[in-house]
Amino acid sequence: MMALAFSGGKDSMACLHLLRDQLDCGIFVDTGYLLPETIHMVNYAASLLPVMHVVKTDRHRQNEEWGIPADIVPVDWTREAELFSGRKALRIQSWVRCHIENVNLPVWGKAKSLGVTHLVYGARKDEEVNSNTQAEQVQDGMTVLCPLAEWTAPQVLAYLETKMEVPEHFYSVHDSSSLDCYDCPAFEATSQNRVAWMKTKYPEAYAAYAVRHHAIYEALEEAVKPTGQERQPRSTSKKESE
C-alpha cells in the first residue's frame, strides 16, 4: 500500500502527479492554522486520489505545553529549564520538536494504522532542512520514498506546469509553498517571501505571526544580556512596522 504525505506545497503536489497511478491514498495533517490556499490544494489533491486522510492535531495545546517554535532556543525559556530557573512569561521550543509532534508523528501513526508499506515524501536534497534526504530507505519496517530527492525547485515547477494550472503562490512563496502554520516564526531564513506575501494578502494572519516573532526576539535579547544590565526595549524594525 502506497501513501503520499501531502503538505499542500509544490513538492508533494509534484509527487502526487508523478505517482498518481500508484498511490492508494494521501495523508494530510491539519494543525488548525491553515491559509485558504493550502485548503484548496488539499481539496484538489483529494479529487485525484482514491482517498485523502486528514489528521487533525492540537497544535495549540502542544505549543501551550512546550512553547513557540524557534530556530534558536534560549535554554532558560524551555519547559525543561523551569525546574532550575523558574517559569518565564514565554516558553520556547525547537522547531524540530514542534514539527515532529504536530506533523511527522501524526503522519507516521496514520500510515502505520492504515498498513502503509510505502510512504512518499516530497523532500529534496537541495533544501537545507532536508539535505540528508535519500531516494529510498526503510524506517521502522516502512519504505520511505523521496522521488524528488535529486530535483531542484525550478525542475519541480517546470514539471507541474505540464500537469496542472500552477497556483500563484507556488511561485511567489517558492521556499515554503506548503505555507505551513501561518503564525510559525521558525524557518526564518527560508520564510521571508512567505511572510511578505502573507503580510499583504492576509494581514490578520501576519499579525498573529508578528506577535510570536517579536516574542522570540524579546526572549533572545533577554537571554544574552549581561547579568545586572537592563535590557533596552527592542525597537520595532522597519520590516515589521511597514
Protein backbone atom coordinates (compact mmCIF):
# COMPACT_ATOMS: atom_id res chain seq x y z
CA MET A 1 0.00 0.00 0.00
CA MET A 2 1.47 3.35 -1.03
CA ALA A 3 0.53 6.66 0.61
CA LEU A 4 1.58 10.25 -0.02
CA ALA A 5 2.45 12.52 2.89
CA PHE A 6 0.77 15.58 1.44
CA SER A 7 1.63 19.07 2.70
CA GLY A 8 -0.17 21.23 0.17
CA GLY A 9 3.11 22.51 -1.26
CA LYS A 10 4.61 22.20 -4.71
CA ASP A 11 6.86 19.22 -3.93
CA SER A 12 4.19 16.93 -2.55
CA MET A 13 1.94 18.07 -5.40
CA ALA A 14 4.63 17.01 -7.89
CA CYS A 15 4.86 13.63 -6.15
CA LEU A 16 1.10 13.25 -6.48
CA HIS A 17 1.19 13.77 -10.24
CA LEU A 18 4.34 11.70 -10.64
CA LEU A 19 2.97 8.66 -8.79
CA ARG A 20 -0.75 9.20 -9.21
CA ASP A 21 -1.41 5.77 -10.71
CA GLN A 22 0.43 4.02 -7.87
CA LEU A 23 -0.90 5.91 -4.87
CA ASP A 24 -3.62 4.37 -2.72
CA CYS A 25 -4.20 7.44 -0.54
CA GLY A 26 -2.87 10.71 0.78
CA ILE A 27 -2.30 11.78 4.38
CA PHE A 28 -2.58 15.45 5.32
CA VAL A 29 -2.15 16.99 8.77
CA ASP A 30 -4.48 19.83 9.71
CA THR A 31 -2.92 21.78 12.59
CA GLY A 32 -5.75 24.30 12.64
CA TYR A 33 -3.55 27.10 11.30
CA LEU A 34 -4.09 26.83 7.56
CA LEU A 35 -4.46 29.50 4.91
CA PRO A 36 -7.12 29.18 2.17
CA GLU A 37 -4.54 28.28 -0.48
CA THR A 38 -3.50 25.18 1.46
CA ILE A 39 -7.09 24.07 1.95
CA HIS A 40 -7.67 24.49 -1.79
CA MET A 41 -4.63 22.37 -2.60
CA VAL A 42 -5.80 19.63 -0.22
CA ASN A 43 -9.21 19.57 -1.88
CA TYR A 44 -7.60 19.47 -5.32
CA ALA A 45 -5.33 16.59 -4.31
CA ALA A 46 -8.27 14.74 -2.78
CA SER A 47 -10.04 14.87 -6.16
CA LEU A 48 -7.13 13.00 -7.74
CA LEU A 49 -6.62 10.35 -5.08
CA PRO A 50 -8.76 7.33 -4.11
CA VAL A 51 -8.93 8.82 -0.60
CA MET A 52 -7.34 11.66 1.35
CA HIS A 53 -6.97 11.06 5.09
CA VAL A 54 -6.99 14.32 7.06
CA VAL A 55 -5.43 14.01 10.51
CA LYS A 56 -6.25 16.82 12.92
CA THR A 57 -3.69 17.71 15.56
CA ASP A 58 -3.93 20.02 18.55
CA ARG A 59 -1.02 22.31 17.79
CA HIS A 60 -2.44 24.96 20.09
CA ARG A 61 -2.23 22.62 23.08
CA GLN A 62 1.24 21.40 22.12
CA ASN A 63 2.54 24.97 21.84
CA GLU A 64 0.92 25.90 25.14
CA GLU A 65 2.73 22.98 26.76
CA TRP A 66 6.14 23.26 25.07
CA GLY A 67 6.30 26.78 23.70
CA ILE A 68 6.60 28.76 20.49
CA PRO A 69 8.81 27.02 17.90
CA ALA A 70 12.05 28.80 17.03
CA ASP A 71 15.31 28.35 15.14
CA ILE A 72 17.35 29.45 18.17
CA VAL A 73 16.16 28.38 21.61
CA PRO A 74 17.36 30.14 24.80
CA VAL A 75 17.62 27.30 27.31
CA ASP A 76 16.06 29.14 30.25
CA TRP A 77 12.88 29.62 28.22
CA THR A 78 12.31 25.88 27.72
CA ARG A 79 9.93 23.80 29.76
CA GLU A 80 12.79 21.56 30.91
CA ALA A 81 14.72 24.50 32.40
CA GLU A 82 11.80 25.68 34.56
CA LEU A 83 12.92 23.28 37.30
CA PHE A 84 16.07 25.38 37.66
CA SER A 85 15.25 28.92 36.53
CA GLY A 86 11.52 29.09 37.16
CA ARG A 87 8.69 29.77 34.73
CA LYS A 88 9.18 32.56 32.23
CA ALA A 89 6.35 34.55 30.73
CA LEU A 90 7.04 32.69 27.49
CA ARG A 91 8.01 29.13 26.66
CA ILE A 92 10.12 28.36 23.58
CA GLN A 93 10.80 25.02 21.91
CA SER A 94 12.86 23.97 18.91
CA TRP A 95 11.03 23.84 15.61
CA VAL A 96 12.18 20.22 15.41
CA ARG A 97 10.08 19.17 18.42
CA CYS A 98 7.09 21.15 17.19
CA HIS A 99 7.24 19.67 13.70
CA ILE A 100 7.80 16.11 14.89
CA GLU A 101 4.95 16.17 17.40
CA ASN A 102 2.44 18.10 15.30
CA VAL A 103 3.19 16.76 11.80
CA ASN A 104 5.69 13.92 11.47
CA LEU A 105 4.39 11.60 14.17
CA PRO A 106 0.71 12.07 13.21
CA VAL A 107 1.51 11.24 9.57
CA TRP A 108 3.59 8.23 10.56
CA GLY A 109 1.00 7.00 13.04
CA LYS A 110 -1.79 7.24 10.48
CA ALA A 111 0.32 5.45 7.88
CA LYS A 112 1.08 2.62 10.31
CA SER A 113 -2.59 2.28 11.28
CA LEU A 114 -3.57 2.00 7.60
CA GLY A 115 -0.99 -0.68 6.90
CA VAL A 116 1.01 1.52 4.53
CA THR A 117 4.13 -0.21 3.20
CA HIS A 118 5.50 2.71 1.15
CA LEU A 119 5.24 6.32 2.30
CA VAL A 120 6.09 9.10 -0.17
CA TYR A 121 7.51 12.48 0.83
CA GLY A 122 8.31 15.49 -1.36
CA ALA A 123 11.70 16.17 0.23
CA ARG A 124 14.61 17.44 -1.88
CA LYS A 125 18.32 17.36 -1.05
CA ASP A 126 18.84 20.96 -2.15
CA GLU A 127 16.68 22.14 0.77
CA GLU A 128 18.86 22.77 3.82
CA VAL A 129 16.45 21.12 6.26
CA ASN A 130 16.20 18.05 4.01
CA SER A 131 19.85 17.76 2.98
CA ASN A 132 20.02 14.21 4.40
CA THR A 133 17.20 13.05 2.11
CA GLN A 134 17.60 9.69 0.41
CA ALA A 135 15.55 8.49 -2.55
CA GLU A 136 14.61 5.30 -0.68
CA GLN A 137 15.17 3.99 2.83
CA VAL A 138 13.45 1.70 5.30
CA GLN A 139 12.35 3.11 8.66
CA ASP A 140 10.56 1.04 11.28
CA GLY A 141 9.52 -1.52 8.68
CA MET A 142 8.12 1.07 6.26
CA THR A 143 9.79 2.08 3.00
CA VAL A 144 10.14 5.85 2.71
CA LEU A 145 10.30 7.15 -0.86
CA CYS A 146 11.52 10.61 -1.86
CA PRO A 147 11.24 10.63 -5.67
CA LEU A 148 12.26 14.30 -5.87
CA ALA A 149 15.46 13.84 -3.86
CA GLU A 150 17.69 14.97 -6.74
CA TRP A 151 15.29 17.57 -8.19
CA THR A 152 15.57 21.34 -7.88
CA ALA A 153 12.75 23.80 -7.23
CA PRO A 154 12.76 25.06 -10.86
CA GLN A 155 12.51 21.46 -12.09
CA VAL A 156 9.53 20.86 -9.81
CA LEU A 157 7.71 23.94 -11.09
CA ALA A 158 8.52 23.10 -14.72
CA TYR A 159 7.09 19.62 -14.22
CA LEU A 160 3.93 20.92 -12.54
CA GLU A 161 3.35 23.30 -15.44
CA THR A 162 2.85 20.24 -17.65
CA LYS A 163 0.30 18.72 -15.25
CA MET A 164 -1.87 21.47 -13.80
CA GLU A 165 -2.60 25.16 -13.58
CA VAL A 166 0.11 26.07 -11.11
CA PRO A 167 -1.20 28.31 -8.31
CA GLU A 168 0.41 31.73 -7.99
CA HIS A 169 1.77 31.14 -4.50
CA PHE A 170 3.89 28.21 -5.71
CA TYR A 171 5.98 30.87 -7.47
CA SER A 172 5.79 33.80 -5.04
CA VAL A 173 6.27 31.65 -1.93
CA HIS A 174 8.54 29.08 -3.56
CA ASP A 175 10.71 28.36 -0.49
CA SER A 176 7.75 27.41 1.70
CA SER A 177 4.87 26.81 -0.67
CA SER A 178 3.05 24.49 1.75
CA LEU A 179 2.58 27.71 3.79
CA ASP A 180 2.86 25.63 6.99
CA CYS A 181 1.23 27.09 10.11
CA TYR A 182 0.67 30.70 9.20
CA ASP A 183 1.84 32.01 12.59
CA CYS A 184 5.04 29.92 12.78
CA PRO A 185 8.09 32.15 13.47
CA ALA A 186 10.62 29.38 12.75
CA PHE A 187 12.47 28.68 9.47
CA GLU A 188 13.21 32.40 9.30
CA ALA A 189 15.97 32.09 6.71
CA THR A 190 13.65 30.46 4.17
CA SER A 191 10.31 32.04 5.04
CA GLN A 192 10.88 35.70 4.23
CA ASN A 193 8.94 35.55 0.97
CA ARG A 194 6.08 33.73 2.73
CA VAL A 195 5.96 36.38 5.45
CA ALA A 196 5.99 39.28 2.96
CA TRP A 197 3.30 37.61 0.84
CA MET A 198 1.14 36.89 3.88
CA LYS A 199 1.51 40.44 5.20
CA THR A 200 -0.05 41.78 2.01
CA LYS A 201 -2.69 39.13 1.40
CA TYR A 202 -3.64 38.05 4.93
CA PRO A 203 -2.84 40.91 7.36
CA GLU A 204 -4.64 39.24 10.28
CA ALA A 205 -2.63 36.05 9.85
CA TYR A 206 0.52 38.16 9.55
CA ALA A 207 -0.36 39.96 12.78
CA ALA A 208 -0.57 36.63 14.61
CA TYR A 209 2.83 35.71 13.19
CA ALA A 210 4.37 39.08 14.11
CA VAL A 211 3.35 38.76 17.76
CA ARG A 212 5.08 35.40 18.10
CA HIS A 213 8.11 36.51 16.07
CA HIS A 214 8.56 39.59 18.26
CA ALA A 215 8.21 37.50 21.45
CA ILE A 216 11.02 35.19 20.29
CA TYR A 217 13.38 38.13 19.70
CA GLU A 218 12.49 39.69 23.05
CA ALA A 219 13.41 36.41 24.78
CA LEU A 220 16.67 36.08 22.83
CA GLU A 221 17.74 39.61 23.75
CA GLU A 222 16.91 38.96 27.39
CA ALA A 223 18.81 35.66 27.34
CA VAL A 224 22.11 37.14 26.13
CA LYS A 225 22.21 40.41 28.08
CA PRO A 226 24.99 40.60 30.69
CA THR A 227 23.91 39.89 34.27
CA GLY A 228 22.68 43.03 36.01
CA GLN A 229 22.32 45.02 32.83
CA GLU A 230 18.94 46.43 31.98
CA ARG A 231 17.64 45.31 28.62
CA GLN A 232 16.86 48.15 26.27
CA PRO A 233 13.36 47.94 24.76
CA ARG A 234 13.58 46.43 21.31
CA SER A 235 12.60 48.95 18.69
CA THR A 236 10.23 47.66 16.05
CA SER A 237 12.11 47.00 12.86
CA LYS A 238 11.19 48.79 9.67
CA LYS A 239 10.20 45.42 8.20
CA GLU A 240 7.71 44.75 11.00
CA SER A 241 6.31 48.27 11.12
CA GLU A 242 5.66 48.77 7.44
